[in-house]
């Protein structure tokens, strides 16, 4: 992206959604991936009151999905950096809104 669309890349780095390069907006990705995570978690049987679900994805997509689960604004909150390659994060059910707690992020 940086070499083929330098202006779009610069916009993306500033936290804007690149125009005219055919990419989804951050809010759209957050809703799509976050909604999929919610569906997977709802459909996974719980054994002994707990469950472990592993989801593999691109770093920015999973980061935006987690932003959705945590109830954060994907277009204006940049407190989570994109998950690096071969790293993981852990979310667990929370007792209060938004219903999830982030316990580990970008762990090797």
C-alpha atoms as a PDB file:
ATOM      1  CA  UNK A   1       0.000   0.000   0.000  1.00  0.00           C
ATOM      2  CA  UNK A   2       2.825   2.360   0.879  1.00  0.00           C
ATOM      3  CA  UNK A   3       4.493   2.062  -2.531  1.00  0.00           C
ATOM      4  CA  UNK A   4       1.394   1.828  -4.769  1.00  0.00           C
ATOM      5  CA  UNK A   5      -0.835   4.353  -2.993  1.00  0.00           C
ATOM      6  CA  UNK A   6       1.378   6.655  -0.909  1.00  0.00           C
ATOM      7  CA  UNK A   7      -1.378   9.235  -0.293  1.00  0.00           C
ATOM      8  CA  UNK A   8      -3.841   6.579   0.849  1.00  0.00           C
ATOM      9  CA  UNK A   9      -1.146   5.030   3.038  1.00  0.00           C
ATOM     10  CA  UNK A  10      -0.395   8.413   4.635  1.00  0.00           C
ATOM     11  CA  UNK A  11      -4.114   8.915   5.329  1.00  0.00           C
ATOM     12  CA  UNK A  12      -4.327   5.442   6.893  1.00  0.00           C
ATOM     13  CA  UNK A  13      -1.308   6.159   9.109  1.00  0.00           C
ATOM     14  CA  UNK A  14      -3.018   9.391  10.282  1.00  0.00           C
ATOM     15  CA  UNK A  15      -6.055   7.357  11.349  1.00  0.00           C
ATOM     16  CA  UNK A  16      -8.211   8.259   8.363  1.00  0.00           C
ATOM     17  CA  UNK A  17      -9.897   5.821   6.016  1.00  0.00           C
ATOM     18  CA  UNK A  18      -8.110   5.809   2.631  1.00  0.00           C
ATOM     19  CA  UNK A  19     -10.266   6.919  -0.262  1.00  0.00           C
ATOM     20  CA  UNK A  20     -10.421   5.464  -3.778  1.00  0.00           C
ATOM     21  CA  UNK A  21      -8.394   2.306  -3.125  1.00  0.00           C
ATOM     22  CA  UNK A  22     -11.289  -0.084  -2.482  1.00  0.00           C
ATOM     23  CA  UNK A  23     -10.757  -0.781   1.213  1.00  0.00           C
ATOM     24  CA  UNK A  24     -13.385  -1.116   3.924  1.00  0.00           C
ATOM     25  CA  UNK A  25     -13.646   1.616   6.512  1.00  0.00           C
ATOM     26  CA  UNK A  26     -12.472   0.897  10.046  1.00  0.00           C
ATOM     27  CA  UNK A  27     -16.072   0.959  11.367  1.00  0.00           C
ATOM     28  CA  UNK A  28     -17.179  -1.520   8.665  1.00  0.00           C
ATOM     29  CA  UNK A  29     -14.327  -3.939   9.448  1.00  0.00           C
ATOM     30  CA  UNK A  30     -14.968  -3.567  13.183  1.00  0.00           C
ATOM     31  CA  UNK A  31     -18.634  -4.433  12.759  1.00  0.00           C
ATOM     32  CA  UNK A  32     -17.982  -7.325  10.342  1.00  0.00           C
ATOM     33  CA  UNK A  33     -15.156  -8.978  12.297  1.00  0.00           C
ATOM     34  CA  UNK A  34     -16.556  -8.113  15.744  1.00  0.00           C
ATOM     35  CA  UNK A  35     -19.965  -9.455  14.755  1.00  0.00           C
ATOM     36  CA  UNK A  36     -18.353 -12.654  13.524  1.00  0.00           C
ATOM     37  CA  UNK A  37     -16.445 -13.013  16.807  1.00  0.00           C
ATOM     38  CA  UNK A  38     -19.698 -12.559  18.740  1.00  0.00           C
ATOM     39  CA  UNK A  39     -21.443 -15.182  16.603  1.00  0.00           C
ATOM     40  CA  UNK A  40     -18.567 -17.667  17.037  1.00  0.00           C
ATOM     41  CA  UNK A  41     -18.594 -17.158  20.795  1.00  0.00           C
ATOM     42  CA  UNK A  42     -22.376 -17.532  21.002  1.00  0.00           C
ATOM     43  CA  UNK A  43     -22.300 -20.753  18.961  1.00  0.00           C
ATOM     44  CA  UNK A  44     -19.419 -22.371  20.865  1.00  0.00           C
ATOM     45  CA  UNK A  45     -20.651 -24.782  23.534  1.00  0.00           C
ATOM     46  CA  UNK A  46     -19.488 -23.919  27.033  1.00  0.00           C
ATOM     47  CA  UNK A  47     -18.015 -26.784  28.997  1.00  0.00           C
ATOM     48  CA  UNK A  48     -17.660 -26.469  32.770  1.00  0.00           C
ATOM     49  CA  UNK A  49     -18.606 -22.782  32.611  1.00  0.00           C
ATOM     50  CA  UNK A  50     -15.699 -21.829  30.339  1.00  0.00           C
ATOM     51  CA  UNK A  51     -14.476 -22.093  26.797  1.00  0.00           C
ATOM     52  CA  UNK A  52     -11.419 -21.450  24.721  1.00  0.00           C
ATOM     53  CA  UNK A  53     -11.851 -20.215  21.178  1.00  0.00           C
ATOM     54  CA  UNK A  54      -8.921 -19.551  18.860  1.00  0.00           C
ATOM     55  CA  UNK A  55      -9.464 -17.170  15.939  1.00  0.00           C
ATOM     56  CA  UNK A  56      -6.738 -16.516  13.373  1.00  0.00           C
ATOM     57  CA  UNK A  57      -6.881 -13.360  11.280  1.00  0.00           C
ATOM     58  CA  UNK A  58      -4.932 -10.423   9.912  1.00  0.00           C
ATOM     59  CA  UNK A  59      -3.670  -8.136  12.694  1.00  0.00           C
ATOM     60  CA  UNK A  60      -5.676  -5.049  11.809  1.00  0.00           C
ATOM     61  CA  UNK A  61      -8.882  -7.006  11.223  1.00  0.00           C
ATOM     62  CA  UNK A  62      -8.707  -8.828  14.549  1.00  0.00           C
ATOM     63  CA  UNK A  63      -7.722  -5.603  16.318  1.00  0.00           C
ATOM     64  CA  UNK A  64     -10.794  -3.861  14.926  1.00  0.00           C
ATOM     65  CA  UNK A  65     -12.940  -6.873  15.867  1.00  0.00           C
ATOM     66  CA  UNK A  66     -11.665  -6.679  19.444  1.00  0.00           C
ATOM     67  CA  UNK A  67     -12.372  -2.939  19.426  1.00  0.00           C
ATOM     68  CA  UNK A  68     -15.981  -3.857  18.599  1.00  0.00           C
ATOM     69  CA  UNK A  69     -16.175  -6.427  21.419  1.00  0.00           C
ATOM     70  CA  UNK A  70     -14.838  -3.834  23.874  1.00  0.00           C
ATOM     71  CA  UNK A  71     -17.381  -1.238  22.760  1.00  0.00           C
ATOM     72  CA  UNK A  72     -14.748   1.226  21.522  1.00  0.00           C
ATOM     73  CA  UNK A  73     -15.005   3.628  18.581  1.00  0.00           C
ATOM     74  CA  UNK A  74     -12.999   2.057  15.734  1.00  0.00           C
ATOM     75  CA  UNK A  75     -12.789   5.360  13.852  1.00  0.00           C
ATOM     76  CA  UNK A  76     -11.471   7.497  16.681  1.00  0.00           C
ATOM     77  CA  UNK A  77      -9.830   5.332  19.332  1.00  0.00           C
ATOM     78  CA  UNK A  78      -6.345   4.045  18.591  1.00  0.00           C
ATOM     79  CA  UNK A  79      -5.283   2.681  21.978  1.00  0.00           C
ATOM     80  CA  UNK A  80      -4.715  -0.830  20.610  1.00  0.00           C
ATOM     81  CA  UNK A  81      -1.993  -1.146  18.038  1.00  0.00           C
ATOM     82  CA  UNK A  82      -2.526  -3.748  15.374  1.00  0.00           C
ATOM     83  CA  UNK A  83      -1.714  -7.277  16.451  1.00  0.00           C
ATOM     84  CA  UNK A  84       1.732  -8.201  15.101  1.00  0.00           C
ATOM     85  CA  UNK A  85       2.443 -11.376  13.105  1.00  0.00           C
ATOM     86  CA  UNK A  86       2.552 -14.583  15.167  1.00  0.00           C
ATOM     87  CA  UNK A  87       1.211 -12.801  18.278  1.00  0.00           C
ATOM     88  CA  UNK A  88      -1.978 -13.293  20.213  1.00  0.00           C
ATOM     89  CA  UNK A  89      -4.401 -11.560  22.497  1.00  0.00           C
ATOM     90  CA  UNK A  90      -6.832 -12.874  25.080  1.00  0.00           C
ATOM     91  CA  UNK A  91     -10.310 -11.613  25.865  1.00  0.00           C
ATOM     92  CA  UNK A  92     -12.429 -13.108  28.606  1.00  0.00           C
ATOM     93  CA  UNK A  93     -16.063 -12.634  29.507  1.00  0.00           C
ATOM     94  CA  UNK A  94     -16.493  -9.587  31.711  1.00  0.00           C
ATOM     95  CA  UNK A  95     -19.039  -8.954  34.412  1.00  0.00           C
ATOM     96  CA  UNK A  96     -19.956  -5.448  33.245  1.00  0.00           C
ATOM     97  CA  UNK A  97     -20.578  -3.676  29.956  1.00  0.00           C
ATOM     98  CA  UNK A  98     -19.238  -4.268  27.338  1.00  0.00           C
ATOM     99  CA  UNK A  99     -19.225  -7.915  28.469  1.00  0.00           C
ATOM    100  CA  UNK A 100     -15.560  -8.575  27.617  1.00  0.00           C
ATOM    101  CA  UNK A 101     -12.202  -7.788  29.205  1.00  0.00           C
ATOM    102  CA  UNK A 102      -8.889  -7.686  27.391  1.00  0.00           C
ATOM    103  CA  UNK A 103      -6.337  -9.544  29.523  1.00  0.00           C
ATOM    104  CA  UNK A 104      -3.421  -9.977  27.088  1.00  0.00           C
ATOM    105  CA  UNK A 105      -2.444  -8.222  23.851  1.00  0.00           C
ATOM    106  CA  UNK A 106       0.338  -8.655  21.294  1.00  0.00           C
ATOM    107  CA  UNK A 107       1.859 -11.523  23.277  1.00  0.00           C
ATOM    108  CA  UNK A 108       4.445 -13.750  21.635  1.00  0.00           C
END
